C-alpha cells in the first residue's frame, strides 16, 4: 500500500504538468460544450422566425416572377395597348369629321371591352374618355335636329340615336346608372320621338323669330303663314316616316294626330299659337293682303289635310269673325256718313225730272245721281259688298242680310227724322223733290242693293250648303228683304198705301 502511494506520488509529481493541462483542457471543453448548447438553443429559438422569413421571401419571389411575366406580356402586347390608348383620339377625329358610324363602332367596342376587363385601370380610363366623347356625340346628333334637314338626313340621325339606345340597353348592369347620368336626354325608343319634336320645335321657333326680325311689318304675317305651311308639314311627314313607317299599321297612323300622343298635343299647341297670331293681326291687314292671307291659309289647310291634320275648322272661324268685324265696321261708317250728310242736306228748290230708265244698265240706277246722299250711300254699301267679293264665306250670308236690313231701316228712320225736322220749311217744289228722293230710295236703291246681295250670295249655293231645297230656303226668308214692310214708315212722306 505504501509502495502504491509512493508510485502514485511519483507519478503525480512526474506528470503534474500533464494533469494541470488536462484539467484546464477539460474545463475549456466544458465551457465550449456549454457555449455550444447555448448556441444550439438560440438556433432552435430562431428557427421559426427564419422559416417565416423564408416563406415570405418565397412569396415575394413568386410575386416578382408573376409581375415579370405580366410585364413581359404587356411588353409583347404593347402595340395593342397603344391602339387602345389611341381609341379616344380616333373617336375625336370621327366626331370632328361627323363620321358617326365609326364613332358608334368605337363606342360599342369599348363598352363591350369594359364589361370584360372593368378592373384594368387602362380600360377604365379609356372607357371614361370614350363616354365623355359619346355624350358629346349625342349632343351633336340632337343639335343637328335643330336645323333645316331633309327627310333622308333625319332618318340617318335617328338611326344613329336608335343604335345608341341599343348599345345602352346591351349593358344591363349599367342601365340604371346610365339613366341617371343622361337625365333629360332619355334615348329610349319610347322617348326618342319626344326629343325629335323638341329639337324640331326649337328649329321652327328660331325660324319664326328670324322671320319677325327680317321681314317688314306688312309681310311678316304672310311669312309666318308660309313657315307654318312648309315647316310644320315637314315635321309631320318626317315624324310619320321615321316613327310610323315600319311596325305601325295604318290605323295607328290615323290615331297619331287624333289622340293624346305627343305629336298630336304638339301640333295642337302650334295651331293654337298660330291661330292666336292670326287673330291678333288679321284686322290690321288691308283688303289685298287679307285676300292673299286667306288663300295662303286655305292652301296650308289643304296641305295639312293630306296628312290627316286639316285645320280649317280652326282657321275659318277666325277669318269669318274678322270679315264680319270689318264688314260691320264699314257698314256702320256708311250709315253714319249718310246720317251726317242728311243733317247738312239742302233739298233742291228746282224740280228734278226723272231720268230715262235703261233696262240693260249694269250699274246703280242713274236716278240716284240727283240725290247725292243716296248716291254716296249706295256707293258706300257697294264698296262694303265689294270688299266681301272674294273672301266672304257663304255662312255669313244671314249676318250680311241682317246688317243690310238694319242699315236700310236706320236710313228710313233718318229720312223720316229729316222730314219731320224740315217739312215746315219746305216749298212745294222742295217737298216734291224730297218725296222723289224717298221714292228713289224705295224703288231704285233698295231693289238694286237686294239684287247685288243675291248675286254675292247666290241662293242655289246657300241652299246646297244648308242641304235644303231652294223652295225651303225661300220660304225661310233668310235671304229676303221685305221692301214694303221696310218702307212702310215712308208712306207718310210719299203718300203711298
Protein backbone atom coordinates (compact mmCIF):
# COMPACT_ATOMS: atom_id res chain seq x y z
CA UNK A 1 0.00 0.00 0.00
CA UNK A 2 2.84 2.29 0.85
CA UNK A 3 4.52 1.30 -2.31
CA UNK A 4 1.41 2.16 -4.25
CA UNK A 5 1.21 5.52 -2.59
CA UNK A 6 4.76 6.30 -3.42
CA UNK A 7 4.27 5.32 -7.01
CA UNK A 8 1.25 7.49 -7.14
CA UNK A 9 3.06 10.44 -5.65
CA UNK A 10 5.95 9.91 -8.03
CA UNK A 11 3.54 9.66 -10.92
CA UNK A 12 1.78 12.80 -9.81
CA UNK A 13 5.00 14.60 -9.37
CA UNK A 14 6.33 13.40 -12.64
CA UNK A 15 3.10 14.16 -14.57
CA UNK A 16 1.98 17.20 -12.61
CA UNK A 17 2.15 19.44 -15.66
CA UNK A 18 0.17 16.97 -17.70
CA UNK A 19 -2.51 16.77 -15.05
CA UNK A 20 -2.78 20.55 -14.90
CA UNK A 21 -3.04 20.85 -18.67
CA UNK A 22 -5.59 18.05 -18.71
CA UNK A 23 -7.70 19.81 -16.10
CA UNK A 24 -7.56 23.09 -17.97
CA UNK A 25 -8.43 21.38 -21.22
CA UNK A 26 -11.36 19.66 -19.55
CA UNK A 27 -12.50 22.96 -18.13
CA UNK A 28 -12.22 24.53 -21.59
CA UNK A 29 -14.12 21.66 -23.16
CA UNK A 30 -16.89 22.01 -20.61
CA UNK A 31 -17.11 25.75 -21.32
CA UNK A 32 -17.20 25.08 -25.06
CA UNK A 33 -19.87 22.45 -24.61
CA UNK A 34 -21.96 24.87 -22.55
CA UNK A 35 -21.47 27.55 -25.17
CA UNK A 36 -22.43 25.15 -27.95
CA UNK A 37 -25.51 24.14 -26.01
CA UNK A 38 -26.50 27.81 -25.66
CA UNK A 39 -25.84 28.45 -29.34
CA UNK A 40 -27.88 25.42 -30.27
CA UNK A 41 -30.73 26.67 -28.07
CA UNK A 42 -30.50 30.10 -29.70
CA UNK A 43 -30.59 28.43 -33.10
CA UNK A 44 -33.63 26.41 -32.14
CA UNK A 45 -35.35 29.57 -30.85
CA UNK A 46 -34.59 31.50 -34.08
CA UNK A 47 -35.61 28.70 -36.42
CA UNK A 48 -39.46 29.57 -36.61
CA UNK A 49 -38.71 33.20 -37.46
CA UNK A 50 -36.24 32.05 -40.08
CA UNK A 51 -38.78 29.71 -41.56
CA UNK A 52 -41.41 32.54 -41.64
CA UNK A 53 -39.00 34.95 -43.30
CA UNK A 54 -38.04 32.26 -45.77
CA UNK A 55 -41.71 31.73 -46.67
CA UNK A 56 -42.22 35.49 -47.02
CA UNK A 57 -39.19 35.69 -49.28
CA UNK A 58 -40.56 32.81 -51.30
CA UNK A 59 -43.87 34.65 -51.72
CA UNK A 60 -42.11 37.86 -52.72
CA UNK A 61 -40.05 35.95 -55.20
CA UNK A 62 -43.22 34.36 -56.62
CA UNK A 63 -44.89 37.80 -56.91
CA UNK A 64 -41.82 39.18 -58.65
CA UNK A 65 -41.89 36.28 -61.06
CA UNK A 66 -45.59 36.88 -61.79
CA UNK A 67 -45.02 40.63 -62.25
CA UNK A 68 -42.11 39.85 -64.52
CA UNK A 69 -44.34 37.53 -66.52
CA UNK A 70 -47.10 40.16 -66.71
CA UNK A 71 -44.71 42.90 -67.70
CA UNK A 72 -43.30 40.59 -70.28
CA UNK A 73 -46.83 40.01 -71.60
CA UNK A 74 -47.50 43.76 -71.58
CA UNK A 75 -44.28 44.32 -73.47
CA UNK A 76 -45.30 41.72 -76.02
CA UNK A 77 -48.80 43.33 -76.31
CA UNK A 78 -47.56 46.93 -76.35
CA UNK A 79 -48.85 47.52 -79.88
CA UNK A 80 -52.39 46.54 -78.91
CA UNK A 81 -52.23 48.69 -75.78
CA UNK A 82 -51.14 51.64 -77.87
CA UNK A 83 -54.09 51.02 -80.15
CA UNK A 84 -56.38 51.00 -77.10
CA UNK A 85 -54.91 54.29 -75.90
CA UNK A 86 -55.46 55.79 -79.35
CA UNK A 87 -59.20 54.98 -79.38
CA UNK A 88 -60.26 58.30 -77.73
CA UNK A 89 -58.30 60.30 -80.29
CA UNK A 90 -59.74 58.20 -83.11
CA UNK A 91 -63.25 58.81 -81.82
CA UNK A 92 -62.49 62.53 -81.56
CA UNK A 93 -61.37 62.55 -85.20
CA UNK A 94 -64.51 60.67 -86.23
CA UNK A 95 -66.65 63.16 -84.32
CA UNK A 96 -64.93 66.15 -85.90
CA UNK A 97 -65.41 64.60 -89.33
CA UNK A 98 -69.08 63.83 -88.49
CA UNK A 99 -68.33 60.16 -89.11
CA UNK A 100 -70.88 58.97 -86.58
CA UNK A 101 -70.84 55.42 -87.93
CA UNK A 102 -67.19 54.99 -86.92
CA UNK A 103 -67.81 56.73 -83.60
CA UNK A 104 -70.59 54.24 -82.87
CA UNK A 105 -68.29 51.33 -83.74
CA UNK A 106 -65.59 52.60 -81.38
CA UNK A 107 -68.09 53.21 -78.61
CA UNK A 108 -69.61 49.72 -79.00
CA UNK A 109 -66.16 48.08 -78.90
CA UNK A 110 -65.08 49.97 -75.77
CA UNK A 111 -68.37 49.28 -73.97
CA UNK A 112 -68.01 45.55 -74.62
CA UNK A 113 -64.34 45.67 -73.58
CA UNK A 114 -65.18 47.43 -70.32
CA UNK A 115 -67.68 44.69 -69.42
CA UNK A 116 -64.94 42.02 -69.67
CA UNK A 117 -61.97 43.94 -68.23
CA UNK A 118 -63.56 46.53 -65.99
CA UNK A 119 -60.90 46.11 -63.26
CA UNK A 120 -57.99 47.05 -65.52
CA UNK A 121 -57.11 50.73 -64.95
CA UNK A 122 -56.16 51.42 -68.57
CA UNK A 123 -59.53 50.05 -69.71
CA UNK A 124 -61.34 52.12 -67.08
CA UNK A 125 -59.57 55.32 -68.13
CA UNK A 126 -60.19 54.66 -71.81
CA UNK A 127 -63.87 53.91 -71.10
CA UNK A 128 -64.28 57.17 -69.18
CA UNK A 129 -62.74 59.17 -72.03
CA UNK A 130 -64.90 57.38 -74.59
CA UNK A 131 -68.03 58.03 -72.52
CA UNK A 132 -67.24 61.74 -72.41
CA UNK A 133 -66.86 61.78 -76.18
CA UNK A 134 -70.01 59.73 -76.53
CA UNK A 135 -72.14 62.29 -74.71
CA UNK A 136 -70.60 64.91 -76.96
CA UNK A 137 -71.62 62.77 -79.93
CA UNK A 138 -75.19 62.61 -78.64
CA UNK A 139 -75.17 66.38 -78.24
CA UNK A 140 -74.03 66.82 -81.85
CA UNK A 141 -76.71 64.44 -83.12
CA UNK A 142 -79.51 66.12 -81.18
CA UNK A 143 -78.19 69.55 -82.12
CA UNK A 144 -78.31 68.69 -85.83
CA UNK A 145 -82.06 68.16 -85.48
CA UNK A 146 -82.31 71.88 -84.66
CA UNK A 147 -81.58 72.81 -88.29
CA UNK A 148 -83.46 72.56 -91.55
CA UNK A 149 -82.97 68.93 -92.57
CA UNK A 150 -84.35 66.83 -95.42
CA UNK A 151 -86.05 63.55 -94.60
CA UNK A 152 -83.07 61.28 -95.53
CA UNK A 153 -80.77 63.13 -93.15
CA UNK A 154 -83.36 62.95 -90.36
CA UNK A 155 -83.66 59.22 -90.93
CA UNK A 156 -79.88 58.86 -90.74
CA UNK A 157 -79.58 60.83 -87.48
CA UNK A 158 -82.46 58.96 -85.84
CA UNK A 159 -80.84 55.71 -86.98
CA UNK A 160 -77.67 56.66 -85.10
CA UNK A 161 -79.67 57.53 -81.99
CA UNK A 162 -81.61 54.28 -82.14
CA UNK A 163 -78.37 52.35 -82.44
CA UNK A 164 -77.02 54.25 -79.46
CA UNK A 165 -80.08 53.17 -77.50
CA UNK A 166 -79.36 49.54 -78.43
CA UNK A 167 -75.79 49.86 -77.15
CA UNK A 168 -77.03 51.30 -73.86
CA UNK A 169 -79.58 48.55 -73.37
CA UNK A 170 -76.99 45.86 -74.08
CA UNK A 171 -75.23 46.79 -70.80
CA UNK A 172 -77.79 45.54 -68.30
CA UNK A 173 -75.81 46.12 -65.16
CA UNK A 174 -75.25 49.79 -66.00
CA UNK A 175 -78.69 50.69 -67.34
CA UNK A 176 -79.93 52.38 -64.17
CA UNK A 177 -76.78 54.45 -63.78
CA UNK A 178 -76.95 55.46 -67.42
CA UNK A 179 -80.50 56.72 -66.95
CA UNK A 180 -79.40 58.87 -64.01
CA UNK A 181 -76.46 60.24 -65.98
CA UNK A 182 -78.43 61.00 -69.12
CA UNK A 183 -81.26 62.67 -67.20
CA UNK A 184 -83.41 64.57 -69.68
CA UNK A 185 -81.51 63.05 -72.55
CA UNK A 186 -83.53 59.87 -72.39
CA UNK A 187 -82.62 57.98 -75.53
CA UNK A 188 -85.09 55.17 -75.08
CA UNK A 189 -87.17 54.33 -78.09
CA UNK A 190 -90.31 55.49 -76.25
CA UNK A 191 -88.86 58.96 -75.69
CA UNK A 192 -86.84 59.42 -78.85
CA UNK A 193 -89.75 60.98 -80.72
CA UNK A 194 -90.14 63.46 -77.86
CA UNK A 195 -86.58 64.65 -78.32
CA UNK A 196 -87.17 64.75 -82.07
CA UNK A 197 -90.20 67.01 -81.57
CA UNK A 198 -88.33 69.13 -79.02
CA UNK A 199 -85.41 69.69 -81.39
CA UNK A 200 -87.60 70.34 -84.44
CA UNK A 201 -89.74 72.72 -82.37
CA UNK A 202 -86.63 74.70 -81.39
CA UNK A 203 -85.67 74.95 -85.06
CA UNK A 204 -89.20 76.04 -86.02
CA UNK A 205 -89.36 78.69 -83.28
CA UNK A 206 -85.99 80.06 -84.41
CA UNK A 207 -87.30 80.31 -87.98
CA UNK A 208 -90.30 82.31 -86.71
CA UNK A 209 -88.06 84.65 -84.72
CA UNK A 210 -85.83 85.19 -87.76
CA UNK A 211 -88.89 85.97 -89.87
CA UNK A 212 -90.13 88.56 -87.37
CA UNK A 213 -86.70 90.19 -87.28
CA UNK A 214 -86.03 90.18 -91.02
CA UNK A 215 -89.41 90.78 -92.69
CA UNK A 216 -91.19 94.11 -92.92
CA UNK A 217 -94.37 94.59 -90.91
CA UNK A 218 -96.63 94.24 -93.97
CA UNK A 219 -95.04 90.92 -94.99
CA UNK A 220 -94.27 89.24 -91.69
CA UNK A 221 -97.71 87.64 -91.25
CA UNK A 222 -97.63 86.09 -94.72
CA UNK A 223 -94.12 84.85 -93.99
CA UNK A 224 -95.31 83.27 -90.74
CA UNK A 225 -98.14 81.52 -92.59
CA UNK A 226 -95.66 80.26 -95.17
CA UNK A 227 -93.32 78.94 -92.47
CA UNK A 228 -96.18 77.09 -90.80
CA UNK A 229 -97.23 75.57 -94.10
CA UNK A 230 -93.76 74.38 -95.06
CA UNK A 231 -92.04 73.57 -91.78
CA UNK A 232 -94.92 72.11 -89.78
CA UNK A 233 -95.84 69.93 -92.73
CA UNK A 234 -92.23 68.77 -92.98
CA UNK A 235 -92.10 67.92 -89.28
CA UNK A 236 -95.33 65.91 -89.54
CA UNK A 237 -94.20 63.95 -92.58
CA UNK A 238 -90.75 63.36 -91.07
CA UNK A 239 -92.23 62.15 -87.78
CA UNK A 240 -94.61 59.79 -89.54
CA UNK A 241 -91.93 58.47 -91.86
CA UNK A 242 -89.43 57.90 -89.05
CA UNK A 243 -91.59 56.55 -86.24
CA UNK A 244 -94.58 55.02 -88.06
CA UNK A 245 -93.00 53.63 -91.20
CA UNK A 246 -92.33 50.01 -90.28
CA UNK A 247 -94.26 48.38 -87.46
CA UNK A 248 -97.27 50.68 -87.17
CA UNK A 249 -100.47 49.96 -89.02
CA UNK A 250 -102.49 52.46 -90.98
CA UNK A 251 -104.95 52.87 -88.09
CA UNK A 252 -102.08 53.88 -85.81
CA UNK A 253 -101.04 56.46 -88.37
CA UNK A 254 -104.53 57.99 -88.28
CA UNK A 255 -104.74 57.88 -84.47
CA UNK A 256 -101.37 59.59 -84.12
CA UNK A 257 -102.94 63.01 -84.80
CA UNK A 258 -106.35 62.38 -83.27
CA UNK A 259 -105.44 61.03 -79.82
CA UNK A 260 -103.34 62.24 -76.94
CA UNK A 261 -99.97 61.43 -78.46
CA UNK A 262 -97.04 63.80 -78.15
CA UNK A 263 -97.27 64.67 -81.85
CA UNK A 264 -100.97 65.44 -81.55
CA UNK A 265 -100.50 67.65 -78.49
CA UNK A 266 -97.54 69.41 -80.06
CA UNK A 267 -99.48 70.11 -83.25
CA UNK A 268 -102.48 71.37 -81.25
CA UNK A 269 -100.19 73.77 -79.40
CA UNK A 270 -98.67 75.04 -82.66
CA UNK A 271 -102.13 75.51 -84.20
CA UNK A 272 -103.36 77.38 -81.10
CA UNK A 273 -100.36 79.72 -81.20
CA UNK A 274 -100.76 80.20 -84.96
CA UNK A 275 -104.48 80.94 -84.55
CA UNK A 276 -103.66 83.45 -81.80
CA UNK A 277 -101.16 85.21 -84.08
CA UNK A 278 -103.70 85.35 -86.90
CA UNK A 279 -106.44 86.58 -84.59
CA UNK A 280 -104.23 89.42 -83.37
CA UNK A 281 -103.02 90.56 -86.79
CA UNK A 282 -105.78 89.82 -89.31
CA UNK A 283 -107.62 93.03 -88.52
CA UNK A 284 -104.50 95.06 -89.37
CA UNK A 285 -104.31 93.78 -92.96
CA UNK A 286 -105.74 95.65 -95.91
CA UNK A 287 -108.13 94.05 -98.37
CA UNK A 288 -105.47 92.82 -100.80
CA UNK A 289 -103.28 91.32 -98.10
CA UNK A 290 -106.32 89.82 -96.39
CA UNK A 291 -107.30 88.00 -99.56
CA UNK A 292 -103.74 86.77 -100.01
CA UNK A 293 -103.61 85.54 -96.40
CA UNK A 294 -106.90 83.71 -96.79
CA UNK A 295 -105.63 81.93 -99.90
CA UNK A 296 -102.38 81.05 -98.12
CA UNK A 297 -104.19 79.68 -95.09
CA UNK A 298 -106.60 77.61 -97.17
CA UNK A 299 -103.62 76.20 -99.08
CA UNK A 300 -102.00 75.47 -95.71
CA UNK A 301 -105.13 73.63 -94.56
CA UNK A 302 -105.21 71.68 -97.81
CA UNK A 303 -101.59 70.58 -97.30
CA UNK A 304 -102.21 69.51 -93.71
CA UNK A 305 -105.37 67.69 -94.75
CA UNK A 306 -103.18 65.32 -96.78
CA UNK A 307 -101.63 64.03 -93.54
CA UNK A 308 -104.85 63.99 -91.52
CA UNK A 309 -104.46 67.38 -89.83
CA UNK A 310 -106.94 69.62 -91.63
CA UNK A 311 -107.22 72.80 -89.55
CA UNK A 312 -109.90 74.62 -91.50
CA UNK A 313 -112.27 74.19 -88.56
CA UNK A 314 -109.84 76.32 -86.52
CA UNK A 315 -108.78 78.96 -89.04
CA UNK A 316 -112.05 79.51 -90.92
CA UNK A 317 -113.90 80.99 -87.90
CA UNK A 318 -111.02 83.45 -87.42
CA UNK A 319 -111.38 84.77 -90.96
CA UNK A 320 -115.16 84.70 -90.69
CA UNK A 321 -115.12 86.74 -87.47
CA UNK A 322 -112.58 89.17 -88.89
CA UNK A 323 -114.59 89.58 -92.11
CA UNK A 324 -117.76 90.22 -90.13
CA UNK A 325 -115.99 92.64 -87.82
CA UNK A 326 -114.61 94.65 -90.74
CA UNK A 327 -117.95 94.39 -92.54
CA UNK A 328 -119.95 95.72 -89.57
CA UNK A 329 -117.43 98.48 -89.01
CA UNK A 330 -117.51 99.57 -92.66
CA UNK A 331 -121.29 99.39 -92.89
CA UNK A 332 -121.68 101.40 -89.69
CA UNK A 333 -119.40 104.06 -91.15
CA UNK A 334 -121.55 104.19 -94.30
CA UNK A 335 -124.73 104.58 -92.23
CA UNK A 336 -123.15 107.24 -90.01
CA UNK A 337 -121.87 109.09 -93.06
CA UNK A 338 -125.34 109.12 -94.60
CA UNK A 339 -126.83 110.44 -91.37
CA UNK A 340 -124.22 113.22 -91.23
CA UNK A 341 -124.90 114.16 -94.84
CA UNK A 342 -128.62 114.32 -94.26
CA UNK A 343 -128.08 116.70 -91.37
CA UNK A 344 -126.42 119.14 -93.77
CA UNK A 345 -128.55 118.27 -96.80
CA UNK A 346 -130.45 121.01 -98.59
CA UNK A 347 -133.38 119.85 -100.67
CA UNK A 348 -133.10 121.31 -104.20
CA UNK A 349 -135.55 124.09 -104.87
CA UNK A 350 -135.53 123.29 -108.59
CA UNK A 351 -137.74 120.47 -109.73
CA UNK A 352 -135.93 117.26 -110.63
CA UNK A 353 -137.05 115.41 -113.71
CA UNK A 354 -136.86 111.62 -113.78
CA UNK A 355 -134.03 110.18 -115.83
CA UNK A 356 -134.80 107.68 -118.55
CA UNK A 357 -134.67 104.07 -117.36
CA UNK A 358 -132.15 101.87 -119.16
CA UNK A 359 -133.09 98.20 -118.86
CA UNK A 360 -129.64 96.96 -119.86
CA UNK A 361 -127.77 99.16 -117.37
CA UNK A 362 -125.50 97.10 -115.10
CA UNK A 363 -124.57 99.87 -112.71
CA UNK A 364 -126.55 101.62 -109.99
CA UNK A 365 -129.75 103.43 -111.03
CA UNK A 366 -128.96 106.81 -112.55
CA UNK A 367 -131.83 108.45 -110.65
CA UNK A 368 -129.68 108.26 -107.51
CA UNK A 369 -127.33 110.82 -109.06
CA UNK A 370 -129.95 113.51 -108.44
CA UNK A 371 -129.73 112.85 -104.70
CA UNK A 372 -126.10 112.79 -103.70
CA UNK A 373 -126.72 111.48 -100.13
CA UNK A 374 -128.44 108.43 -101.64
CA UNK A 375 -125.76 108.12 -104.32
CA UNK A 376 -122.94 108.17 -101.78
CA UNK A 377 -124.87 105.84 -99.52
CA UNK A 378 -125.33 103.42 -102.41
CA UNK A 379 -121.65 103.66 -103.33
CA UNK A 380 -120.69 103.03 -99.73
CA UNK A 381 -122.87 99.93 -99.50
CA UNK A 382 -121.49 98.65 -102.79
CA UNK A 383 -117.94 99.26 -101.58
CA UNK A 384 -118.64 97.23 -98.45
CA UNK A 385 -120.17 94.47 -100.56
CA UNK A 386 -117.23 94.53 -102.98
CA UNK A 387 -114.86 94.03 -100.06
CA UNK A 388 -116.64 90.68 -99.50
CA UNK A 389 -116.49 89.76 -103.16
CA UNK A 390 -113.68 87.17 -102.88
CA UNK A 391 -113.13 86.49 -99.22
CA UNK A 392 -116.68 86.22 -97.89
CA UNK A 393 -117.70 82.70 -96.81
CA UNK A 394 -121.26 81.69 -97.61
CA UNK A 395 -122.03 81.07 -93.94
CA UNK A 396 -122.09 84.82 -93.24
CA UNK A 397 -124.95 85.44 -95.67
CA UNK A 398 -127.55 85.67 -92.90
CA UNK A 399 -125.45 88.17 -90.90
CA UNK A 400 -124.82 90.25 -94.03
CA UNK A 401 -128.51 90.37 -94.94
CA UNK A 402 -129.48 91.27 -91.38
CA UNK A 403 -126.86 94.02 -91.23
CA UNK A 404 -128.04 95.48 -94.54
CA UNK A 405 -131.61 95.36 -93.28
CA UNK A 406 -130.58 97.23 -90.13
CA UNK A 407 -128.69 99.81 -92.18
CA UNK A 408 -131.64 100.34 -94.54
CA UNK A 409 -134.03 100.59 -91.61
CA UNK A 410 -131.79 103.19 -89.98
CA UNK A 411 -131.76 105.06 -93.30
CA UNK A 412 -135.56 105.04 -93.34
CA UNK A 413 -135.52 106.50 -89.85
CA UNK A 414 -133.02 109.18 -90.89
CA UNK A 415 -135.25 110.13 -93.83
CA UNK A 416 -138.26 110.36 -91.51
CA UNK A 417 -136.39 112.44 -88.96
CA UNK A 418 -135.20 114.79 -91.69
CA UNK A 419 -138.74 115.16 -92.97
CA UNK A 420 -140.21 115.88 -89.55
CA UNK A 421 -137.47 118.36 -88.88
CA UNK A 422 -137.55 120.25 -92.19
CA UNK A 423 -141.06 119.82 -93.58
CA UNK A 424 -142.39 123.06 -92.21
CA UNK A 425 -139.85 124.98 -94.24
CA UNK A 426 -140.43 123.05 -97.47
CA UNK A 427 -141.74 124.76 -100.54
CA UNK A 428 -143.94 122.75 -102.85
CA UNK A 429 -141.01 122.05 -105.17
CA UNK A 430 -138.76 121.05 -102.29
CA UNK A 431 -141.46 118.82 -100.86
CA UNK A 432 -141.90 117.17 -104.25
CA UNK A 433 -138.15 116.74 -104.61
CA UNK A 434 -137.89 115.16 -101.15
CA UNK A 435 -140.77 112.83 -101.98
CA UNK A 436 -138.87 111.89 -105.15
CA UNK A 437 -135.79 111.22 -103.01
CA UNK A 438 -137.76 108.84 -100.80
CA UNK A 439 -139.32 107.15 -103.82
CA UNK A 440 -135.88 106.74 -105.37
CA UNK A 441 -134.69 105.17 -102.13
CA UNK A 442 -137.64 102.77 -102.18
CA UNK A 443 -137.89 101.99 -105.87
CA UNK A 444 -134.28 102.25 -107.00
CA UNK A 445 -131.76 101.87 -104.17
CA UNK A 446 -133.30 99.03 -102.16
CA UNK A 447 -134.09 96.79 -105.18
CA UNK A 448 -130.61 97.37 -106.55
CA UNK A 449 -128.94 96.53 -103.22
CA UNK A 450 -131.16 93.43 -102.95
CA UNK A 451 -130.08 92.38 -106.43
CA UNK A 452 -126.40 92.85 -105.55
CA UNK A 453 -126.80 90.82 -102.37
CA UNK A 454 -128.44 87.96 -104.26
CA UNK A 455 -125.57 87.95 -106.75
CA UNK A 456 -122.97 87.99 -103.99
CA UNK A 457 -124.67 85.16 -102.12
CA UNK A 458 -126.45 83.01 -104.73
CA UNK A 459 -129.49 81.25 -103.33
CA UNK A 460 -128.63 77.98 -105.07
CA UNK A 461 -125.24 77.79 -103.37
CA UNK A 462 -126.70 78.72 -99.97
CA UNK A 463 -129.37 76.02 -100.35
CA UNK A 464 -126.73 73.47 -101.31
CA UNK A 465 -124.61 74.47 -98.31
CA UNK A 466 -127.57 74.12 -95.94
CA UNK A 467 -128.69 70.89 -97.55
CA UNK A 468 -132.20 72.13 -98.33
CA UNK A 469 -134.15 72.84 -101.48
CA UNK A 470 -134.37 76.30 -102.98
CA UNK A 471 -138.08 76.44 -102.11
CA UNK A 472 -137.41 75.73 -98.44
CA UNK A 473 -134.74 78.43 -98.41
CA UNK A 474 -137.09 80.97 -99.99
CA UNK A 475 -139.84 80.11 -97.53
CA UNK A 476 -137.47 80.68 -94.61
CA UNK A 477 -136.93 84.29 -95.83
CA UNK A 478 -133.35 84.23 -94.55
CA UNK A 479 -132.17 85.90 -97.76
CA UNK A 480 -135.15 88.19 -98.18
CA UNK A 481 -135.56 91.94 -97.75
CA UNK A 482 -139.21 92.93 -97.30
CA UNK A 483 -139.32 96.16 -99.28
CA UNK A 484 -142.90 97.07 -98.39
CA UNK A 485 -142.53 96.46 -94.66
CA UNK A 486 -139.25 98.34 -94.58
CA UNK A 487 -140.56 101.38 -96.46
CA UNK A 488 -143.97 101.46 -94.83
CA UNK A 489 -142.93 104.32 -92.48
CA UNK A 490 -142.11 106.39 -95.59
CA UNK A 491 -145.72 106.24 -96.71
CA UNK A 492 -146.27 109.28 -94.53
CA UNK A 493 -143.99 111.16 -96.91
CA UNK A 494 -144.75 109.51 -100.25
CA UNK A 495 -148.48 109.16 -99.68
CA UNK A 496 -148.40 105.53 -100.82
CA UNK A 497 -150.65 102.83 -99.38
